[in-house]
Amino acid sequence: MGHPAVLEAAVIGVPDDRWDERPLACVVLKPGAEVTAVELRQWLSERTAKFWLPERWSFVSEVPKTSVGKFDKKVLRARNTAGELDVETIA
């Protein structure tokens, strides 16, 4: 992501009534860092296309990894489906 407060982030597709699927950003903050989803969306809006901007954000303690160290998006999707992620929606 590149934001100074973000340690790592993974984006997954989640079902959306209007667009079929939209991004959900799962963000891990650096120790002691504080930033809101609104601030991150604003920061991203200056660096990426509008249709790529997530409306849904979840601040997590870690992004799960596969055995080879890649982000395990299947686990994140399963956690989201099970309601285990605290998701904030912003416009």
N, C-alpha and C. Protein backbone atom coordinates (compact mmCIF):
# COMPACT_ATOMS: atom_id res chain seq x y z
N MET A 1 0.83 -1.19 0.00
CA MET A 1 0.00 0.00 0.00
C MET A 1 0.88 1.25 0.00
N GLY A 2 1.91 1.27 0.80
CA GLY A 2 2.80 2.40 0.81
C GLY A 2 2.50 3.48 1.83
N HIS A 3 1.36 3.44 2.49
CA HIS A 3 1.03 4.45 3.50
C HIS A 3 1.96 4.26 4.70
N PRO A 4 2.46 5.35 5.27
CA PRO A 4 3.42 5.24 6.37
C PRO A 4 2.90 4.53 7.62
N ALA A 5 1.58 4.46 7.82
CA ALA A 5 1.03 3.81 9.00
C ALA A 5 0.72 2.33 8.77
N VAL A 6 0.84 1.87 7.53
CA VAL A 6 0.42 0.51 7.19
C VAL A 6 1.62 -0.43 7.11
N LEU A 7 1.55 -1.52 7.87
CA LEU A 7 2.59 -2.55 7.83
C LEU A 7 2.38 -3.45 6.62
N GLU A 8 1.15 -3.93 6.45
CA GLU A 8 0.80 -4.74 5.29
C GLU A 8 -0.70 -4.69 5.09
N ALA A 9 -1.12 -5.02 3.88
CA ALA A 9 -2.55 -5.01 3.56
C ALA A 9 -2.83 -6.00 2.45
N ALA A 10 -3.99 -6.63 2.53
CA ALA A 10 -4.46 -7.53 1.49
C ALA A 10 -5.87 -7.10 1.11
N VAL A 11 -6.18 -7.20 -0.15
CA VAL A 11 -7.51 -6.84 -0.63
C VAL A 11 -8.17 -8.08 -1.21
N ILE A 12 -9.41 -8.33 -0.75
CA ILE A 12 -10.16 -9.47 -1.26
C ILE A 12 -11.45 -8.98 -1.89
N GLY A 13 -11.99 -9.76 -2.79
CA GLY A 13 -13.29 -9.45 -3.38
C GLY A 13 -14.39 -10.01 -2.50
N VAL A 14 -15.41 -9.19 -2.25
CA VAL A 14 -16.56 -9.64 -1.47
C VAL A 14 -17.84 -9.35 -2.26
N PRO A 15 -18.89 -10.14 -2.05
CA PRO A 15 -20.12 -9.94 -2.80
C PRO A 15 -20.70 -8.54 -2.61
N ASP A 16 -21.26 -8.02 -3.70
CA ASP A 16 -21.87 -6.69 -3.68
C ASP A 16 -23.15 -6.76 -4.51
N ASP A 17 -24.24 -6.26 -3.96
CA ASP A 17 -25.53 -6.32 -4.65
C ASP A 17 -25.53 -5.57 -5.97
N ARG A 18 -24.88 -4.43 -6.01
CA ARG A 18 -24.90 -3.60 -7.21
C ARG A 18 -23.86 -4.03 -8.24
N TRP A 19 -22.64 -4.29 -7.80
CA TRP A 19 -21.53 -4.53 -8.73
C TRP A 19 -21.10 -5.99 -8.78
N ASP A 20 -21.80 -6.88 -8.11
CA ASP A 20 -21.47 -8.30 -8.04
C ASP A 20 -20.33 -8.55 -7.06
N GLU A 21 -19.26 -7.76 -7.16
CA GLU A 21 -18.12 -7.92 -6.25
C GLU A 21 -17.41 -6.58 -6.10
N ARG A 22 -16.97 -6.30 -4.87
CA ARG A 22 -16.21 -5.08 -4.58
C ARG A 22 -15.08 -5.42 -3.62
N PRO A 23 -14.05 -4.57 -3.56
CA PRO A 23 -12.91 -4.87 -2.70
C PRO A 23 -13.17 -4.60 -1.21
N LEU A 24 -12.57 -5.46 -0.40
CA LEU A 24 -12.50 -5.28 1.06
C LEU A 24 -11.02 -5.25 1.41
N ALA A 25 -10.56 -4.15 1.98
CA ALA A 25 -9.16 -4.01 2.37
C ALA A 25 -8.98 -4.49 3.80
N CYS A 26 -8.07 -5.44 3.98
CA CYS A 26 -7.71 -5.95 5.30
C CYS A 26 -6.33 -5.38 5.64
N VAL A 27 -6.28 -4.51 6.63
CA VAL A 27 -5.10 -3.69 6.88
C VAL A 27 -4.49 -4.00 8.25
N VAL A 28 -3.17 -4.16 8.26
CA VAL A 28 -2.40 -4.30 9.50
C VAL A 28 -1.61 -3.01 9.68
N LEU A 29 -1.83 -2.34 10.80
CA LEU A 29 -1.11 -1.10 11.07
C LEU A 29 0.24 -1.39 11.73
N LYS A 30 1.18 -0.49 11.52
CA LYS A 30 2.47 -0.58 12.20
C LYS A 30 2.25 -0.35 13.69
N PRO A 31 3.08 -0.93 14.54
CA PRO A 31 2.94 -0.72 15.99
C PRO A 31 2.91 0.77 16.34
N GLY A 32 1.90 1.17 17.10
CA GLY A 32 1.77 2.55 17.54
C GLY A 32 1.14 3.48 16.52
N ALA A 33 0.89 3.00 15.32
CA ALA A 33 0.31 3.85 14.27
C ALA A 33 -1.20 3.94 14.44
N GLU A 34 -1.72 5.09 14.08
CA GLU A 34 -3.16 5.31 14.11
C GLU A 34 -3.58 5.98 12.82
N VAL A 35 -4.56 5.40 12.16
CA VAL A 35 -5.11 5.97 10.94
C VAL A 35 -6.51 5.38 10.76
N THR A 36 -7.40 6.14 10.16
CA THR A 36 -8.77 5.66 9.96
C THR A 36 -8.94 5.16 8.53
N ALA A 37 -10.02 4.44 8.32
CA ALA A 37 -10.35 3.97 6.98
C ALA A 37 -10.60 5.16 6.05
N VAL A 38 -11.22 6.19 6.57
CA VAL A 38 -11.47 7.39 5.76
C VAL A 38 -10.15 8.02 5.31
N GLU A 39 -9.19 8.10 6.22
CA GLU A 39 -7.88 8.66 5.87
C GLU A 39 -7.15 7.80 4.84
N LEU A 40 -7.23 6.48 5.00
CA LEU A 40 -6.58 5.60 4.03
C LEU A 40 -7.24 5.69 2.66
N ARG A 41 -8.56 5.77 2.65
CA ARG A 41 -9.28 5.89 1.37
C ARG A 41 -8.90 7.20 0.68
N GLN A 42 -8.82 8.28 1.44
CA GLN A 42 -8.42 9.56 0.88
C GLN A 42 -7.01 9.48 0.31
N TRP A 43 -6.10 8.86 1.05
CA TRP A 43 -4.72 8.70 0.60
C TRP A 43 -4.68 7.89 -0.69
N LEU A 44 -5.43 6.81 -0.74
CA LEU A 44 -5.47 5.97 -1.94
C LEU A 44 -6.11 6.68 -3.12
N SER A 45 -7.11 7.53 -2.85
CA SER A 45 -7.82 8.20 -3.94
C SER A 45 -6.90 9.10 -4.76
N GLU A 46 -5.80 9.51 -4.17
CA GLU A 46 -4.84 10.35 -4.88
C GLU A 46 -3.85 9.51 -5.69
N ARG A 47 -3.93 8.17 -5.55
CA ARG A 47 -2.93 7.30 -6.16
C ARG A 47 -3.49 6.18 -7.02
N THR A 48 -4.79 6.04 -7.07
CA THR A 48 -5.37 4.92 -7.81
C THR A 48 -6.72 5.31 -8.43
N ALA A 49 -7.18 4.47 -9.32
CA ALA A 49 -8.46 4.72 -9.99
C ALA A 49 -9.61 4.63 -8.99
N LYS A 50 -10.62 5.46 -9.20
CA LYS A 50 -11.74 5.54 -8.27
C LYS A 50 -12.45 4.19 -8.11
N PHE A 51 -12.62 3.45 -9.20
CA PHE A 51 -13.36 2.19 -9.11
C PHE A 51 -12.58 1.10 -8.36
N TRP A 52 -11.29 1.31 -8.11
CA TRP A 52 -10.49 0.36 -7.33
C TRP A 52 -10.57 0.64 -5.83
N LEU A 53 -11.06 1.79 -5.44
CA LEU A 53 -11.06 2.17 -4.03
C LEU A 53 -12.04 1.32 -3.22
N PRO A 54 -11.56 0.69 -2.16
CA PRO A 54 -12.46 -0.09 -1.31
C PRO A 54 -13.42 0.81 -0.53
N GLU A 55 -14.65 0.35 -0.40
CA GLU A 55 -15.61 0.99 0.50
C GLU A 55 -15.61 0.27 1.84
N ARG A 56 -15.14 -0.97 1.83
CA ARG A 56 -15.14 -1.80 3.04
C ARG A 56 -13.70 -1.97 3.52
N TRP A 57 -13.52 -1.79 4.83
CA TRP A 57 -12.19 -1.85 5.44
C TRP A 57 -12.27 -2.67 6.72
N SER A 58 -11.22 -3.43 6.97
CA SER A 58 -11.11 -4.18 8.21
C SER A 58 -9.67 -4.06 8.71
N PHE A 59 -9.53 -3.61 9.94
CA PHE A 59 -8.21 -3.53 10.56
C PHE A 59 -7.99 -4.83 11.31
N VAL A 60 -6.96 -5.57 10.93
CA VAL A 60 -6.68 -6.89 11.48
C VAL A 60 -5.31 -6.90 12.14
N SER A 61 -5.10 -7.85 13.04
CA SER A 61 -3.80 -7.94 13.73
C SER A 61 -2.73 -8.54 12.84
N GLU A 62 -3.15 -9.39 11.90
CA GLU A 62 -2.21 -9.97 10.95
C GLU A 62 -2.97 -10.45 9.72
N VAL A 63 -2.27 -10.51 8.61
CA VAL A 63 -2.82 -11.11 7.40
C VAL A 63 -2.31 -12.55 7.36
N PRO A 64 -3.22 -13.52 7.31
CA PRO A 64 -2.76 -14.91 7.28
C PRO A 64 -1.92 -15.20 6.04
N LYS A 65 -0.95 -16.08 6.21
CA LYS A 65 -0.04 -16.42 5.11
C LYS A 65 -0.11 -17.91 4.80
N THR A 66 0.21 -18.25 3.56
CA THR A 66 0.32 -19.65 3.16
C THR A 66 1.67 -20.19 3.61
N SER A 67 1.92 -21.44 3.34
CA SER A 67 3.19 -22.06 3.74
C SER A 67 4.39 -21.45 3.03
N VAL A 68 4.16 -20.77 1.90
CA VAL A 68 5.26 -20.14 1.18
C VAL A 68 5.31 -18.63 1.41
N GLY A 69 4.50 -18.13 2.36
CA GLY A 69 4.56 -16.73 2.74
C GLY A 69 3.67 -15.77 1.98
N LYS A 70 2.84 -16.29 1.08
CA LYS A 70 1.91 -15.41 0.35
C LYS A 70 0.68 -15.15 1.22
N PHE A 71 0.00 -14.02 0.95
CA PHE A 71 -1.24 -13.73 1.66
C PHE A 71 -2.25 -14.84 1.36
N ASP A 72 -2.89 -15.37 2.40
CA ASP A 72 -3.88 -16.42 2.23
C ASP A 72 -5.27 -15.78 2.16
N LYS A 73 -5.64 -15.39 0.96
CA LYS A 73 -6.91 -14.69 0.77
C LYS A 73 -8.10 -15.62 0.98
N LYS A 74 -7.92 -16.92 0.80
CA LYS A 74 -9.01 -17.87 1.07
C LYS A 74 -9.40 -17.80 2.54
N VAL A 75 -8.42 -17.71 3.42
CA VAL A 75 -8.71 -17.61 4.85
C VAL A 75 -9.42 -16.30 5.15
N LEU A 76 -8.97 -15.21 4.55
CA LEU A 76 -9.63 -13.91 4.77
C LEU A 76 -11.07 -13.95 4.28
N ARG A 77 -11.31 -14.54 3.10
CA ARG A 77 -12.68 -14.65 2.59
C ARG A 77 -13.55 -15.48 3.53
N ALA A 78 -13.00 -16.58 4.02
CA ALA A 78 -13.76 -17.44 4.95
C ALA A 78 -14.08 -16.69 6.24
N ARG A 79 -13.12 -15.94 6.76
CA ARG A 79 -13.35 -15.16 7.98
C ARG A 79 -14.42 -14.09 7.74
N ASN A 80 -14.39 -13.47 6.58
CA ASN A 80 -15.40 -12.47 6.26
C ASN A 80 -16.78 -13.11 6.16
N THR A 81 -16.88 -14.23 5.47
CA THR A 81 -18.15 -14.93 5.31
C THR A 81 -18.70 -15.37 6.66
N ALA A 82 -17.82 -15.79 7.57
CA ALA A 82 -18.23 -16.23 8.90
C ALA A 82 -18.54 -15.07 9.84
N GLY A 83 -18.32 -13.83 9.38
CA GLY A 83 -18.59 -12.66 10.22
C GLY A 83 -17.51 -12.40 11.25
N GLU A 84 -16.33 -12.95 11.05
CA GLU A 84 -15.24 -12.80 12.01
C GLU A 84 -14.45 -11.50 11.84
N LEU A 85 -14.61 -10.84 10.70
CA LEU A 85 -13.90 -9.58 10.48
C LEU A 85 -14.80 -8.42 10.88
N ASP A 86 -14.23 -7.45 11.56
CA ASP A 86 -14.94 -6.22 11.91
C ASP A 86 -14.81 -5.29 10.71
N VAL A 87 -15.86 -5.20 9.90
CA VAL A 87 -15.81 -4.47 8.64
C VAL A 87 -16.49 -3.11 8.79
N GLU A 88 -15.77 -2.08 8.37
CA GLU A 88 -16.30 -0.71 8.36
C GLU A 88 -16.57 -0.33 6.91
N THR A 89 -17.76 0.17 6.64
CA THR A 89 -18.11 0.60 5.28
C THR A 89 -18.16 2.12 5.24
N ILE A 90 -17.44 2.68 4.26
CA ILE A 90 -17.44 4.13 4.07
C ILE A 90 -17.78 4.43 2.62
N ALA A 91 -18.32 5.60 2.39
CA ALA A 91 -18.71 5.97 1.01
C ALA A 91 -17.62 6.76 0.33
